[in-house]
N, C-alpha and C. Protein backbone atom coordinates (compact mmCIF):
# COMPACT_ATOMS: atom_id res chain seq x y z
N MET A 1 27.05 -0.91 -9.41
CA MET A 1 26.08 -1.13 -8.56
C MET A 1 25.88 -2.33 -8.00
N ASP A 2 25.87 -2.42 -6.59
CA ASP A 2 25.57 -3.46 -6.08
C ASP A 2 24.48 -3.58 -5.58
N LEU A 3 24.25 -4.56 -4.98
CA LEU A 3 22.82 -4.98 -4.29
C LEU A 3 22.22 -3.78 -3.32
N SER A 4 23.41 -3.68 -2.65
CA SER A 4 23.28 -2.43 -1.12
C SER A 4 22.83 -1.15 -1.93
N ASP A 5 23.42 -0.69 -2.96
CA ASP A 5 23.06 0.50 -3.55
C ASP A 5 21.67 0.73 -4.27
N LEU A 6 21.30 -0.80 -4.91
CA LEU A 6 19.74 -0.77 -5.20
C LEU A 6 18.84 -0.73 -4.36
N LYS A 7 19.36 -1.36 -3.04
CA LYS A 7 18.29 -1.49 -1.69
C LYS A 7 18.03 0.44 -1.16
N GLU A 8 19.44 0.85 -1.23
CA GLU A 8 19.35 2.16 -0.96
C GLU A 8 19.04 3.06 -1.78
N ILE A 9 18.49 3.15 -3.03
CA ILE A 9 18.07 3.79 -3.81
C ILE A 9 16.32 3.58 -3.77
N LEU A 10 16.13 2.29 -3.91
CA LEU A 10 14.38 2.01 -3.49
C LEU A 10 13.95 2.53 -1.85
N ARG A 11 14.93 2.66 -1.27
CA ARG A 11 14.53 3.04 -0.39
C ARG A 11 14.22 4.43 -0.04
N ILE A 12 15.23 5.02 -0.75
CA ILE A 12 14.85 6.59 -1.24
C ILE A 12 13.71 6.57 -1.53
N LEU A 13 13.50 6.35 -2.87
CA LEU A 13 12.47 5.94 -3.41
C LEU A 13 10.86 6.15 -3.23
N GLU A 14 11.09 5.06 -1.84
CA GLU A 14 9.73 4.92 -1.36
C GLU A 14 9.62 5.81 -0.24
N GLU A 15 10.85 6.50 0.14
CA GLU A 15 10.22 7.61 1.42
C GLU A 15 10.10 9.03 0.72
N GLN A 16 10.39 8.99 -0.30
CA GLN A 16 10.21 10.51 -1.28
C GLN A 16 8.99 10.13 -1.93
N ASP A 17 8.24 9.14 -2.27
CA ASP A 17 7.03 8.90 -2.66
C ASP A 17 7.49 9.44 -4.31
N ILE A 18 8.61 8.80 -4.90
CA ILE A 18 8.95 8.86 -6.20
C ILE A 18 8.32 8.00 -7.08
N THR A 19 7.39 8.23 -8.19
CA THR A 19 6.55 6.97 -8.93
C THR A 19 7.53 6.39 -10.12
N GLU A 20 8.83 7.33 -10.63
CA GLU A 20 9.55 6.96 -11.79
C GLU A 20 10.96 7.51 -11.90
N PHE A 21 11.68 6.56 -11.60
CA PHE A 21 13.27 6.92 -11.49
C PHE A 21 13.97 6.03 -12.69
N GLU A 22 14.93 7.06 -12.86
CA GLU A 22 15.84 6.52 -14.27
C GLU A 22 17.58 7.03 -13.83
N LEU A 23 18.22 5.70 -13.92
CA LEU A 23 19.69 6.06 -13.32
C LEU A 23 20.62 5.55 -14.56
N GLU A 24 21.52 6.16 -14.96
CA GLU A 24 22.48 5.39 -15.72
C GLU A 24 23.92 5.70 -15.58
N GLN A 25 24.63 4.76 -15.19
CA GLN A 25 26.06 4.78 -14.75
C GLN A 25 27.07 3.56 -15.12
N ASP A 26 28.02 3.60 -15.70
CA ASP A 26 29.06 2.80 -16.39
C ASP A 26 28.24 1.91 -17.44
N GLY A 27 27.44 2.44 -18.24
CA GLY A 27 26.78 1.46 -19.15
C GLY A 27 25.77 0.49 -18.55
N VAL A 28 25.12 0.94 -17.35
CA VAL A 28 24.07 0.09 -16.56
C VAL A 28 23.01 0.83 -16.74
N LYS A 29 21.94 0.83 -17.28
CA LYS A 29 20.79 1.78 -16.82
C LYS A 29 19.71 1.16 -16.09
N LEU A 30 19.26 1.96 -14.98
CA LEU A 30 18.37 1.21 -14.08
C LEU A 30 17.09 2.06 -14.10
N ARG A 31 15.84 1.60 -14.50
CA ARG A 31 14.66 2.59 -14.33
C ARG A 31 13.05 1.74 -13.45
N VAL A 32 13.13 2.48 -12.61
CA VAL A 32 12.19 1.85 -11.51
C VAL A 32 10.93 2.77 -11.57
N CYS A 33 9.85 1.97 -12.40
CA CYS A 33 8.41 2.51 -12.49
C CYS A 33 7.31 2.16 -11.10
N ARG A 34 6.67 2.53 -10.37
CA ARG A 34 6.01 2.31 -9.69
C ARG A 34 4.76 2.46 -9.41
N SER A 35 3.65 1.44 -9.69
CA SER A 35 1.91 1.66 -9.65
C SER A 35 1.67 0.82 -8.95
N SER A 36 0.15 0.51 -8.67
CA SER A 36 -0.43 0.11 -7.66
C SER A 36 -0.16 -1.35 -7.68
N SER A 37 0.42 -2.08 -8.92
CA SER A 37 0.67 -3.18 -8.67
C SER A 37 1.93 -4.10 -8.87
N THR A 38 2.80 -3.19 -9.43
CA THR A 38 4.02 -4.10 -9.61
C THR A 38 5.43 -2.91 -9.62
N LEU A 39 6.62 -3.64 -9.61
CA LEU A 39 7.67 -2.41 -9.74
C LEU A 39 8.66 -3.22 -10.80
N GLN A 40 9.12 -2.13 -11.47
CA GLN A 40 9.90 -3.03 -12.60
C GLN A 40 11.28 -2.27 -12.71
N ALA A 41 12.20 -3.04 -12.89
CA ALA A 41 13.86 -2.73 -12.99
C ALA A 41 14.27 -3.27 -14.05
N VAL A 42 14.97 -2.43 -15.20
CA VAL A 42 15.59 -2.93 -16.47
C VAL A 42 17.05 -2.87 -15.95
N ALA A 43 17.90 -3.77 -16.40
CA ALA A 43 19.32 -3.84 -16.02
C ALA A 43 20.12 -3.56 -17.43
N PRO A 44 21.28 -3.82 -17.38
CA PRO A 44 22.30 -3.39 -18.29
C PRO A 44 21.71 -3.25 -19.85
N ALA A 45 21.57 -2.22 -20.24
CA ALA A 45 21.57 -2.04 -21.74
C ALA A 45 22.17 -2.66 -22.76
N GLN A 46 23.16 -3.32 -22.48
CA GLN A 46 23.65 -3.82 -23.47
C GLN A 46 23.58 -5.29 -23.63
N THR A 47 22.66 -5.76 -22.63
CA THR A 47 22.21 -7.05 -22.71
C THR A 47 20.51 -7.11 -22.92
N ALA A 48 19.99 -8.01 -23.13
CA ALA A 48 18.22 -8.12 -23.35
C ALA A 48 17.94 -7.34 -21.89
N PRO A 49 16.83 -6.73 -21.45
CA PRO A 49 15.95 -6.02 -20.62
C PRO A 49 15.74 -7.13 -19.60
N VAL A 50 15.82 -7.31 -18.41
CA VAL A 50 15.45 -7.83 -17.26
C VAL A 50 14.44 -7.25 -16.47
N VAL A 51 12.98 -7.80 -16.55
CA VAL A 51 11.85 -7.37 -15.89
C VAL A 51 11.39 -8.12 -14.80
N VAL A 52 11.79 -7.27 -13.46
CA VAL A 52 11.41 -8.13 -11.98
C VAL A 52 9.93 -7.52 -11.29
N PRO A 53 9.11 -8.40 -11.49
CA PRO A 53 7.80 -7.82 -11.09
C PRO A 53 8.05 -8.36 -9.47
N VAL A 54 7.14 -7.52 -8.81
CA VAL A 54 7.40 -7.62 -7.12
C VAL A 54 6.13 -7.58 -6.93
N VAL A 55 5.65 -8.03 -5.73
CA VAL A 55 4.43 -7.95 -5.24
C VAL A 55 4.68 -6.21 -4.57
N ALA A 56 3.17 -5.60 -4.68
CA ALA A 56 3.02 -4.18 -4.00
C ALA A 56 3.49 -3.98 -2.88
N PRO A 57 3.49 -2.60 -2.42
CA PRO A 57 4.10 -1.92 -1.28
C PRO A 57 4.05 -2.64 -0.06
N PRO A 58 4.52 -2.12 1.03
CA PRO A 58 5.71 -1.20 1.09
C PRO A 58 7.36 -1.94 1.10
N LEU A 59 8.03 -1.03 0.45
CA LEU A 59 9.63 -1.60 0.47
C LEU A 59 9.97 -1.96 1.91
N ALA A 60 10.52 -3.03 2.00
CA ALA A 60 11.30 -3.41 3.17
C ALA A 60 12.43 -4.14 3.01
N ILE A 61 13.73 -3.11 3.29
CA ILE A 61 15.06 -3.53 2.93
C ILE A 61 15.39 -4.86 3.88
N GLY A 62 15.91 -5.99 3.07
CA GLY A 62 16.57 -7.06 3.63
C GLY A 62 15.48 -8.14 3.22
N THR A 63 14.56 -7.89 2.65
CA THR A 63 13.80 -8.80 2.06
C THR A 63 13.53 -8.19 0.50
N ALA A 64 12.91 -8.87 -0.20
CA ALA A 64 12.65 -8.69 -1.64
C ALA A 64 12.19 -7.18 -1.86
N PRO A 65 12.53 -6.33 -2.84
CA PRO A 65 12.30 -4.92 -2.96
C PRO A 65 10.67 -5.01 -3.48
N ALA A 66 10.04 -3.95 -2.92
CA ALA A 66 8.67 -3.90 -3.32
C ALA A 66 8.23 -2.54 -3.54
N ALA A 67 7.31 -2.13 -4.18
CA ALA A 67 6.97 -0.82 -4.41
C ALA A 67 5.94 -0.02 -3.44
N SER A 68 5.74 1.07 -3.12
CA SER A 68 4.76 1.44 -2.26
C SER A 68 3.64 2.25 -2.63
N ALA A 69 2.62 1.78 -2.07
CA ALA A 69 1.18 3.07 -2.17
C ALA A 69 0.89 3.74 -1.13
N ALA A 70 2.16 3.21 0.02
CA ALA A 70 2.06 4.14 1.33
C ALA A 70 1.62 5.62 1.56
N ALA A 71 1.77 6.50 0.43
CA ALA A 71 1.39 8.09 0.74
C ALA A 71 0.02 7.98 0.38
N ALA A 72 -0.28 9.22 0.88
CA ALA A 72 -1.86 9.66 0.39
C ALA A 72 -1.64 9.91 -1.24
N GLY A 73 -3.06 9.52 -1.66
CA GLY A 73 -3.01 9.89 -2.76
C GLY A 73 -2.44 8.75 -4.04
N THR A 74 -2.09 7.93 -3.38
CA THR A 74 -1.68 6.84 -4.37
C THR A 74 -2.58 5.62 -4.74
N ALA A 75 -3.06 5.11 -6.06
CA ALA A 75 -4.01 4.00 -5.98
C ALA A 75 -3.70 3.01 -4.87
N ALA A 76 -5.26 2.97 -4.44
CA ALA A 76 -5.62 1.53 -3.65
C ALA A 76 -6.18 0.43 -4.36
N PRO A 77 -6.30 -0.59 -4.19
CA PRO A 77 -6.82 -1.61 -4.65
C PRO A 77 -8.46 -1.28 -4.83
N ALA A 78 -8.88 -1.65 -5.93
CA ALA A 78 -10.41 -1.28 -6.15
C ALA A 78 -11.37 -2.10 -5.09
N ALA A 79 -12.31 -1.48 -4.66
CA ALA A 79 -13.24 -2.10 -3.64
C ALA A 79 -14.19 -3.23 -4.54
N GLU A 80 -13.91 -4.04 -3.78
CA GLU A 80 -15.02 -5.37 -4.90
C GLU A 80 -16.42 -5.40 -4.04
N PRO A 81 -17.44 -5.95 -5.06
CA PRO A 81 -19.01 -6.05 -4.46
C PRO A 81 -18.54 -7.41 -3.85
N ASP A 82 -19.24 -7.44 -2.99
CA ASP A 82 -19.27 -8.73 -2.09
C ASP A 82 -20.88 -9.35 -1.58
N ALA A 83 -21.23 -10.30 -1.22
CA ALA A 83 -22.68 -10.73 -0.75
C ALA A 83 -23.40 -9.58 0.29
N ASN A 84 -22.42 -9.23 1.13
CA ASN A 84 -23.26 -8.23 1.77
C ASN A 84 -22.87 -7.00 1.84
N GLY A 85 -22.25 -6.60 0.82
CA GLY A 85 -21.73 -5.08 0.63
C GLY A 85 -20.41 -5.03 -0.28
N THR A 86 -19.62 -4.15 -0.17
CA THR A 86 -18.40 -3.85 -0.90
C THR A 86 -17.23 -3.58 -0.12
N LEU A 87 -16.13 -4.78 -0.55
CA LEU A 87 -15.19 -4.93 0.44
C LEU A 87 -13.73 -3.91 -0.01
N VAL A 88 -13.52 -3.49 1.28
CA VAL A 88 -12.45 -2.18 1.16
C VAL A 88 -11.63 -3.03 1.54
N ARG A 89 -10.42 -3.17 0.44
CA ARG A 89 -9.24 -3.85 0.55
C ARG A 89 -7.80 -2.94 1.14
N SER A 90 -6.77 -3.67 1.42
CA SER A 90 -5.72 -2.68 2.12
C SER A 90 -4.76 -2.48 0.74
N PRO A 91 -4.64 -0.90 0.88
CA PRO A 91 -3.83 -0.84 -0.43
C PRO A 91 -2.10 -0.75 -0.08
N ILE A 92 -1.64 -1.48 0.95
CA ILE A 92 -0.63 -1.33 1.64
C ILE A 92 -0.11 -2.55 2.33
N VAL A 93 0.96 -2.97 2.97
CA VAL A 93 1.23 -4.10 3.82
C VAL A 93 1.61 -3.25 4.98
N GLY A 94 0.92 -3.72 6.12
CA GLY A 94 1.36 -2.93 7.44
C GLY A 94 0.53 -3.73 8.39
N THR A 95 0.47 -2.76 9.72
CA THR A 95 -0.10 -3.17 10.97
C THR A 95 -1.43 -2.11 10.87
N PHE A 96 -2.72 -2.93 10.85
CA PHE A 96 -4.01 -2.59 11.28
C PHE A 96 -4.51 -1.73 12.32
N TYR A 97 -4.67 -0.49 12.41
CA TYR A 97 -5.21 0.03 13.53
C TYR A 97 -6.80 0.50 13.56
N ARG A 98 -7.54 0.39 14.39
CA ARG A 98 -8.95 0.88 14.29
C ARG A 98 -9.05 2.06 14.60
N SER A 99 -8.19 2.66 15.70
CA SER A 99 -8.20 3.80 16.44
C SER A 99 -6.99 4.91 16.24
N PRO A 100 -6.68 5.97 16.39
CA PRO A 100 -5.42 6.92 16.06
C PRO A 100 -4.33 6.70 17.61
N ASP A 101 -4.84 5.94 18.41
CA ASP A 101 -4.24 5.52 19.69
C ASP A 101 -4.96 4.66 20.46
N PRO A 102 -4.25 3.85 21.39
CA PRO A 102 -4.93 2.86 22.26
C PRO A 102 -5.98 3.36 22.95
N ASN A 103 -6.16 4.71 23.47
CA ASN A 103 -6.68 5.17 24.35
C ASN A 103 -7.91 5.85 23.89
N SER A 104 -8.18 5.75 22.54
CA SER A 104 -8.86 6.40 21.51
C SER A 104 -10.45 5.36 21.23
N PRO A 105 -11.46 5.67 20.72
CA PRO A 105 -12.46 5.25 20.16
C PRO A 105 -12.15 4.81 18.81
N ALA A 106 -12.86 3.72 18.35
CA ALA A 106 -12.12 3.31 17.02
C ALA A 106 -12.75 4.25 15.94
N PHE A 107 -12.08 4.39 14.85
CA PHE A 107 -12.33 5.34 13.87
C PHE A 107 -14.22 5.03 13.18
N VAL A 108 -14.19 3.69 12.94
CA VAL A 108 -15.73 2.88 12.45
C VAL A 108 -15.94 1.47 13.39
N SER A 109 -16.98 1.36 13.22
CA SER A 109 -17.43 0.14 14.14
C SER A 109 -18.68 -0.44 13.07
N VAL A 110 -19.29 -1.66 13.17
CA VAL A 110 -20.03 -2.36 12.42
C VAL A 110 -21.11 -1.55 12.86
N GLY A 111 -22.10 -1.16 11.75
CA GLY A 111 -23.37 -0.28 12.02
C GLY A 111 -23.18 0.86 11.57
N ASP A 112 -21.72 1.40 11.79
CA ASP A 112 -21.66 3.01 11.64
C ASP A 112 -21.89 3.19 10.16
N SER A 113 -22.58 4.44 9.90
CA SER A 113 -22.79 5.19 8.42
C SER A 113 -21.55 5.61 8.14
N VAL A 114 -20.77 5.75 7.27
CA VAL A 114 -19.58 6.30 6.77
C VAL A 114 -19.81 7.29 5.55
N GLU A 115 -18.96 8.16 5.31
CA GLU A 115 -19.29 9.17 4.03
C GLU A 115 -17.98 9.01 3.30
N ILE A 116 -17.91 9.24 1.98
CA ILE A 116 -16.88 9.16 1.13
C ILE A 116 -15.60 10.21 1.75
N GLY A 117 -14.46 9.59 1.73
CA GLY A 117 -13.50 10.55 2.64
C GLY A 117 -13.31 10.48 4.05
N GLN A 118 -14.31 9.85 4.95
CA GLN A 118 -14.07 9.29 6.03
C GLN A 118 -12.86 8.19 6.64
N VAL A 119 -12.16 8.80 7.40
CA VAL A 119 -11.09 7.70 7.78
C VAL A 119 -11.88 6.62 8.69
N LEU A 120 -11.29 5.48 7.98
CA LEU A 120 -11.85 4.08 8.26
C LEU A 120 -10.78 3.68 9.43
N CYS A 121 -9.46 3.77 9.09
CA CYS A 121 -8.48 3.11 10.37
C CYS A 121 -7.19 3.42 9.36
N ILE A 122 -6.25 3.35 10.47
CA ILE A 122 -4.76 3.63 10.41
C ILE A 122 -3.86 2.26 9.67
N ILE A 123 -3.30 2.13 8.77
CA ILE A 123 -2.27 0.95 8.54
C ILE A 123 -0.74 1.73 8.59
N GLU A 124 -0.15 0.89 9.64
CA GLU A 124 1.26 1.50 10.05
C GLU A 124 2.20 0.76 9.14
N ALA A 125 3.02 1.72 8.17
CA ALA A 125 4.16 0.69 7.29
C ALA A 125 5.38 1.85 7.45
N MET A 126 6.45 1.11 7.98
CA MET A 126 7.44 1.68 8.49
C MET A 126 7.45 2.72 8.81
N LYS A 127 7.10 2.62 9.97
CA LYS A 127 6.57 3.97 11.10
C LYS A 127 5.68 5.01 10.67
N LEU A 128 5.49 4.98 9.31
CA LEU A 128 4.19 6.18 8.80
C LEU A 128 3.24 5.44 9.15
N MET A 129 2.45 6.47 9.67
CA MET A 129 0.75 6.11 9.73
C MET A 129 -0.42 6.54 8.51
N ASN A 130 -0.69 5.81 8.07
CA ASN A 130 -1.26 5.99 6.73
C ASN A 130 -2.98 5.68 7.12
N GLU A 131 -3.80 7.15 6.84
CA GLU A 131 -5.01 7.14 6.86
C GLU A 131 -5.87 6.37 5.71
N ILE A 132 -6.56 5.53 6.11
CA ILE A 132 -7.23 4.39 4.92
C ILE A 132 -8.75 5.31 5.13
N GLU A 133 -9.26 5.94 4.03
CA GLU A 133 -10.41 6.40 3.70
C GLU A 133 -11.36 5.49 3.17
N ALA A 134 -12.77 5.93 3.44
CA ALA A 134 -13.85 5.27 2.72
C ALA A 134 -14.01 5.92 1.09
N GLU A 135 -14.14 5.20 0.04
CA GLU A 135 -14.23 5.47 -1.52
C GLU A 135 -15.62 5.69 -1.54
N MET A 136 -16.59 5.36 -0.19
CA MET A 136 -18.09 5.15 -0.85
C MET A 136 -18.74 5.48 0.33
N ALA A 137 -19.88 5.89 0.07
CA ALA A 137 -20.69 5.96 1.30
C ALA A 137 -21.61 5.01 1.49
N GLY A 138 -21.65 4.62 2.75
CA GLY A 138 -22.79 3.37 3.07
C GLY A 138 -22.58 2.97 4.98
N GLU A 139 -22.87 1.84 5.08
CA GLU A 139 -23.06 1.22 6.40
C GLU A 139 -22.01 0.16 6.75
N VAL A 140 -21.35 0.21 7.48
CA VAL A 140 -19.94 -1.09 7.95
C VAL A 140 -21.03 -2.13 8.27
N THR A 141 -20.74 -3.26 7.76
CA THR A 141 -21.53 -4.40 7.94
C THR A 141 -20.35 -5.21 8.54
N ARG A 142 -18.78 -4.90 8.33
CA ARG A 142 -18.12 -5.93 8.97
C ARG A 142 -16.62 -5.57 8.74
N VAL A 143 -15.90 -5.87 9.55
CA VAL A 143 -14.48 -5.14 10.01
C VAL A 143 -13.90 -6.36 10.04
N HIS A 144 -12.91 -6.86 9.26
CA HIS A 144 -12.35 -8.19 8.88
C HIS A 144 -10.85 -8.30 10.13
N PRO A 145 -10.05 -7.36 9.89
CA PRO A 145 -8.81 -7.52 10.65
C PRO A 145 -8.95 -7.18 11.77
N GLU A 146 -8.27 -7.92 13.04
CA GLU A 146 -8.44 -7.34 14.72
C GLU A 146 -7.44 -6.31 14.57
N ASN A 147 -7.95 -5.53 15.57
CA ASN A 147 -6.35 -4.35 15.63
C ASN A 147 -5.29 -4.53 16.37
N GLY A 148 -4.41 -4.34 15.47
CA GLY A 148 -3.09 -4.58 15.85
C GLY A 148 -2.48 -5.89 15.00
N GLN A 149 -3.20 -6.41 14.00
CA GLN A 149 -3.32 -7.79 13.21
C GLN A 149 -2.12 -6.86 11.89
N PRO A 150 -1.14 -7.65 11.48
CA PRO A 150 -0.49 -7.44 10.12
C PRO A 150 -1.62 -7.57 9.20
N VAL A 151 -1.31 -6.88 7.98
CA VAL A 151 -1.99 -7.07 6.93
C VAL A 151 -1.39 -6.92 5.61
N GLN A 152 -1.78 -7.34 4.42
CA GLN A 152 -0.86 -7.81 3.45
C GLN A 152 -1.59 -6.76 2.30
N TYR A 153 -1.12 -6.62 1.18
CA TYR A 153 -1.85 -5.84 0.07
C TYR A 153 -2.85 -6.69 -0.43
N GLY A 154 -3.78 -6.04 -0.35
CA GLY A 154 -5.21 -6.84 -0.92
C GLY A 154 -6.12 -7.15 -0.13
N ASP A 155 -5.75 -7.39 1.38
CA ASP A 155 -6.22 -7.97 2.39
C ASP A 155 -7.66 -7.20 2.51
N PRO A 156 -9.07 -8.07 2.72
CA PRO A 156 -9.95 -7.49 2.95
C PRO A 156 -9.97 -6.39 4.73
N LEU A 157 -10.59 -5.19 4.64
CA LEU A 157 -10.51 -4.62 5.84
C LEU A 157 -11.58 -4.45 6.48
N PHE A 158 -12.53 -3.86 5.38
CA PHE A 158 -13.97 -3.71 5.87
C PHE A 158 -14.75 -4.28 4.55
N THR A 159 -15.95 -4.32 5.19
CA THR A 159 -17.26 -4.89 4.38
C THR A 159 -18.19 -3.60 4.34
N ILE A 160 -18.66 -2.97 3.33
CA ILE A 160 -19.75 -1.48 3.66
C ILE A 160 -20.46 -2.12 2.20
N ARG A 161 -21.85 -1.86 3.20
CA ARG A 161 -23.32 -1.87 2.53
C ARG A 161 -23.63 -0.35 1.62
N PRO A 162 -23.35 0.00 0.09
CA PRO A 162 -23.73 1.21 -0.52
C PRO A 162 -25.23 1.61 0.40
N ALA A 163 -25.08 2.94 0.53
CA ALA A 163 -25.73 3.44 0.86
C ALA A 163 -26.95 3.92 -0.34
């Protein structure tokens, strides 16, 4: 198994939202487990296991492999209390968009009240549009990134003062 095979396997796992995968071939055992913070790969069974920690989501072919929380239902970083409210952080790496298209109004703006499950923004990752939803009810007190700005895993997106 060479690097291109490994990249292809990781790409497929990313696209299919597979969280655990195991392959044994020619005495080499590969096991990939995705969680919200790490990707682990264990190599040849006959030698000591090698664990490769990698920054979480998404997988970018041609760079270091990374796990993805891009699909709905995967864990996002926990919202953190802030002096002015609770920070909503990016669960994935991608491009931040405040509205579904350039001609539409923003999903939310400063001063808006939000409910649990309400769409706050979209983050585009690998041509997939991922809706980021509010995990708490409250008032939006700050929008951190600019529209169209790249965001990393864990970057602050919004500050919400709990209702």
